Protein backbone atom coordinates (compact mmCIF):
# COMPACT_ATOMS: atom_id res chain seq x y z
CA UNK A 1 -6.73 193.78 -45.87
CA UNK A 2 -8.41 193.41 -42.50
CA UNK A 3 -11.57 191.30 -42.31
CA UNK A 4 -13.85 192.23 -39.42
CA UNK A 5 -15.11 189.64 -36.96
CA UNK A 6 -18.68 191.03 -37.00
CA UNK A 7 -20.47 191.24 -40.35
CA UNK A 8 -23.84 192.96 -40.09
CA UNK A 9 -26.23 192.11 -42.92
CA UNK A 10 -28.99 194.61 -43.59
CA UNK A 11 -31.35 195.97 -46.24
CA UNK A 12 -31.62 199.54 -44.94
CA UNK A 13 -29.16 202.43 -44.65
CA UNK A 14 -30.67 203.59 -41.36
CA UNK A 15 -30.08 200.16 -39.82
CA UNK A 16 -26.49 200.29 -41.05
CA UNK A 17 -26.06 203.67 -39.38
CA UNK A 18 -27.35 202.40 -36.03
CA UNK A 19 -24.88 199.53 -36.13
CA UNK A 20 -21.97 201.70 -37.26
CA UNK A 21 -22.69 204.24 -34.55
CA UNK A 22 -22.47 201.37 -32.04
CA UNK A 23 -19.06 200.33 -33.36
CA UNK A 24 -19.73 197.91 -36.25
CA UNK A 25 -17.30 198.46 -39.11
CA UNK A 26 -18.46 195.88 -41.67
CA UNK A 27 -21.83 196.19 -43.40
CA UNK A 28 -23.20 193.80 -46.00
CA UNK A 29 -26.12 195.20 -47.97
CA UNK A 30 -28.41 192.44 -49.19
CA UNK A 31 -31.32 193.32 -51.45
CA UNK A 32 -33.35 190.89 -53.54
CA UNK A 33 -35.73 191.36 -56.47
CA UNK A 34 -34.99 195.06 -56.92
CA UNK A 35 -34.29 196.99 -60.10
CA UNK A 36 -30.74 198.19 -60.69
CA UNK A 37 -31.83 201.77 -60.09
CA UNK A 38 -33.46 200.90 -56.74
CA UNK A 39 -30.46 198.81 -55.70
CA UNK A 40 -28.11 201.66 -56.59
CA UNK A 41 -30.11 204.28 -54.67
CA UNK A 42 -30.07 202.21 -51.47
CA UNK A 43 -26.44 201.23 -51.98
CA UNK A 44 -25.33 204.85 -52.37
CA UNK A 45 -27.13 205.84 -49.17
CA UNK A 46 -25.50 202.94 -47.33
CA UNK A 47 -22.10 203.78 -48.82
CA UNK A 48 -22.40 207.33 -47.49
CA UNK A 49 -23.10 205.93 -44.01
CA UNK A 50 -20.13 203.55 -44.22
CA UNK A 51 -17.78 206.30 -45.37
CA UNK A 52 -18.93 208.55 -42.53
CA UNK A 53 -18.07 205.85 -39.99
CA UNK A 54 -15.06 204.45 -41.89
CA UNK A 55 -16.82 201.10 -42.24
CA UNK A 56 -16.46 198.53 -45.01
CA UNK A 57 -19.41 198.13 -47.40
CA UNK A 58 -19.95 194.76 -49.06
CA UNK A 59 -22.75 194.31 -51.60
CA UNK A 60 -24.43 190.93 -51.79
CA UNK A 61 -24.48 189.35 -55.24
CA UNK A 62 -23.93 192.51 -57.31
CA UNK A 63 -20.34 192.90 -58.59
CA UNK A 64 -21.37 195.33 -61.34
CA UNK A 65 -22.99 197.69 -58.87
CA UNK A 66 -20.07 197.35 -56.46
CA UNK A 67 -17.73 198.51 -59.23
CA UNK A 68 -20.18 201.23 -60.28
CA UNK A 69 -20.45 202.93 -56.87
CA UNK A 70 -17.02 202.10 -55.47
CA UNK A 71 -18.11 199.77 -52.68
CA UNK A 72 -15.37 197.87 -50.88
CA UNK A 73 -16.41 194.50 -52.20
CA UNK A 74 -19.01 191.82 -52.84
CA UNK A 75 -20.25 188.63 -51.25
CA UNK A 76 -21.16 185.90 -53.72
CA UNK A 77 -23.32 182.84 -53.17
CA UNK A 78 -22.72 179.57 -54.95
CA UNK A 79 -25.31 180.41 -57.61
CA UNK A 80 -24.05 183.98 -58.18
CA UNK A 81 -21.34 185.18 -60.55
CA UNK A 82 -18.34 182.78 -60.43
CA UNK A 83 -15.53 184.04 -58.20
CA UNK A 84 -12.87 184.14 -60.97
CA UNK A 85 -15.22 186.18 -63.19
CA UNK A 86 -15.91 188.62 -60.37
CA UNK A 87 -12.19 188.95 -59.61
CA UNK A 88 -11.46 189.67 -63.28
CA UNK A 89 -14.18 192.33 -63.27
CA UNK A 90 -13.30 193.98 -59.96
CA UNK A 91 -9.52 193.62 -59.77
CA UNK A 92 -7.28 192.70 -56.85
CA UNK A 93 -8.17 195.55 -54.50
CA UNK A 94 -11.86 194.64 -54.11
CA UNK A 95 -12.86 192.32 -51.28
CA UNK A 96 -14.63 189.16 -52.45
CA UNK A 97 -16.35 186.83 -50.01
CA UNK A 98 -17.81 183.49 -50.99
CA UNK A 99 -20.50 181.32 -49.44
CA UNK A 100 -19.64 177.73 -48.54
CA UNK A 101 -21.36 174.75 -46.94
CA UNK A 102 -18.55 172.18 -47.24
CA UNK A 103 -14.79 171.86 -46.88
CA UNK A 104 -14.52 171.24 -50.61
CA UNK A 105 -16.16 174.57 -51.42
CA UNK A 106 -13.88 176.41 -48.98
CA UNK A 107 -10.83 174.93 -50.74
CA UNK A 108 -12.27 175.88 -54.15
CA UNK A 109 -12.83 179.43 -52.93
CA UNK A 110 -9.22 179.56 -51.72
CA UNK A 111 -8.00 178.52 -55.18
CA UNK A 112 -10.24 181.12 -56.81
CA UNK A 113 -8.88 183.95 -54.68
CA UNK A 114 -11.61 184.95 -52.23
CA UNK A 115 -10.67 187.08 -49.21
CA UNK A 116 -12.99 185.36 -46.74
CA UNK A 117 -15.61 182.60 -46.62
CA UNK A 118 -19.12 182.77 -45.17
CA UNK A 119 -19.69 179.22 -43.89
CA UNK A 120 -23.20 178.11 -43.07
CA UNK A 121 -25.97 178.01 -42.33
CA UNK A 122 -25.45 177.43 -38.62
CA UNK A 123 -29.17 176.87 -38.16
CA UNK A 124 -32.36 177.45 -40.13
CA UNK A 125 -32.91 181.09 -41.08
CA UNK A 126 -35.72 182.82 -42.93
CA UNK A 127 -33.46 185.58 -44.28
CA UNK A 128 -31.93 183.40 -46.99
CA UNK A 129 -33.61 181.65 -49.89
CA UNK A 130 -32.46 178.21 -51.15
CA UNK A 131 -30.91 177.28 -47.84
CA UNK A 132 -28.03 174.77 -47.89
CA UNK A 133 -28.03 171.89 -45.37
CA UNK A 134 -27.84 173.20 -41.81
CA UNK A 135 -24.38 172.59 -40.29
CA UNK A 136 -24.99 173.08 -36.59
CA UNK A 137 -22.08 173.22 -34.17
CA UNK A 138 -20.99 169.69 -35.06
CA UNK A 139 -20.74 170.60 -38.75
CA UNK A 140 -18.50 173.56 -37.97
CA UNK A 141 -16.31 171.41 -35.72
CA UNK A 142 -15.88 168.78 -38.44
CA UNK A 143 -15.02 171.29 -41.17
CA UNK A 144 -12.80 173.56 -39.10
CA UNK A 145 -10.89 170.65 -37.57
CA UNK A 146 -10.01 169.50 -41.11
CA UNK A 147 -8.71 172.92 -42.16
CA UNK A 148 -5.37 172.76 -40.27
CA UNK A 149 -4.49 169.83 -42.52
CA UNK A 150 -5.15 171.96 -45.59
CA UNK A 151 -3.06 174.85 -46.98
CA UNK A 152 -5.61 177.51 -46.11
CA UNK A 153 -5.55 180.71 -44.09
CA UNK A 154 -8.87 182.28 -45.06
CA UNK A 155 -10.99 183.93 -42.36
CA UNK A 156 -14.09 181.76 -41.91
CA UNK A 157 -17.24 183.68 -40.96
CA UNK A 158 -20.12 181.67 -39.47
CA UNK A 159 -23.55 182.65 -40.76
CA UNK A 160 -27.17 181.58 -40.49
CA UNK A 161 -29.52 182.23 -37.58
CA UNK A 162 -26.71 183.02 -35.14
CA UNK A 163 -27.58 184.57 -31.78
CA UNK A 164 -25.38 186.24 -29.18
CA UNK A 165 -25.39 183.09 -27.04
CA UNK A 166 -23.92 181.07 -29.94
CA UNK A 167 -20.75 183.15 -30.27
CA UNK A 168 -18.45 181.53 -27.65
CA UNK A 169 -19.04 177.97 -28.87
CA UNK A 170 -18.66 179.01 -32.51
CA UNK A 171 -15.36 180.76 -31.81
CA UNK A 172 -14.10 177.61 -30.12
CA UNK A 173 -14.58 175.69 -33.39
CA UNK A 174 -12.05 178.00 -35.04
CA UNK A 175 -14.25 180.45 -36.95
CA UNK A 176 -12.86 183.96 -37.32
CA UNK A 177 -16.16 185.74 -36.73
CA UNK A 178 -19.90 185.78 -37.34
CA UNK A 179 -22.35 187.36 -39.77
CA UNK A 180 -25.72 188.31 -38.31
CA UNK A 181 -28.86 190.04 -39.45
CA UNK A 182 -32.04 189.46 -37.44
CA UNK A 183 -30.13 189.03 -34.15
CA UNK A 184 -29.35 192.75 -34.35
CA UNK A 185 -32.15 194.12 -36.54
CA UNK A 186 -34.87 192.39 -34.50
CA UNK A 187 -33.44 193.35 -31.11
CA UNK A 188 -35.33 195.83 -28.94
CA UNK A 189 -32.16 197.96 -28.91
CA UNK A 190 -30.11 197.18 -32.06
CA UNK A 191 -27.25 199.48 -31.06
CA UNK A 192 -26.88 197.85 -27.64
CA UNK A 193 -27.08 194.40 -29.25
CA UNK A 194 -24.33 195.39 -31.70
CA UNK A 195 -22.10 196.40 -28.80
CA UNK A 196 -22.80 193.09 -27.06
CA UNK A 197 -21.79 191.13 -30.17
CA UNK A 198 -18.59 193.16 -30.52
CA UNK A 199 -17.74 192.61 -26.86
CA UNK A 200 -18.44 188.87 -27.08
CA UNK A 201 -16.28 188.53 -30.18
CA UNK A 202 -13.34 190.29 -28.56
CA UNK A 203 -13.53 188.69 -25.12
CA UNK A 204 -14.36 185.06 -25.96
CA UNK A 205 -11.36 182.75 -26.45
CA UNK A 206 -10.92 181.83 -30.07
CA UNK A 207 -8.79 179.74 -32.42
CA UNK A 208 -6.97 182.91 -33.49
CA UNK A 209 -5.83 184.01 -30.00
């Protein structure tokens, strides 16, 4: 399965549509403190958008709902449902991403069968509760430089307060792509910003070239 290099994290179907219209093909829907019914209503709207644009829909921390509506997969934090339990529930065809802050957690995720890892946070961000220690560029360099010595081929997605200007340096550390939220949602022109991220991710030299 193909993992995209730009993961757009949003809470609203209309924001997902703006990004998809601009070329994004990977949407992560992240809702907190909502009832199952509310979650499902928003997820179904977002799923309709993703199907229209042939984009992948990942639900944050809700494997049961992902199975219920037929989303493409889930992203699980370290305090969410354990990866093996989610895999048993969802089967082999669902995409499962896992959050990591250390090399050890990446290796554990590999053993547990995730499809990609969200590594972060890059810097402080207000969009995530219970923030792990900030890695910064040096943290990514240390972790990614150790990976070639490990039997691992997982796409590593950088996450946490990332801006457009951060992309070239992050790609040089060996990450596969980036996950962003406010950098697109808070832009004066979210669609144009999405296109800029996509262009930067495809034109900057990276570990995978």
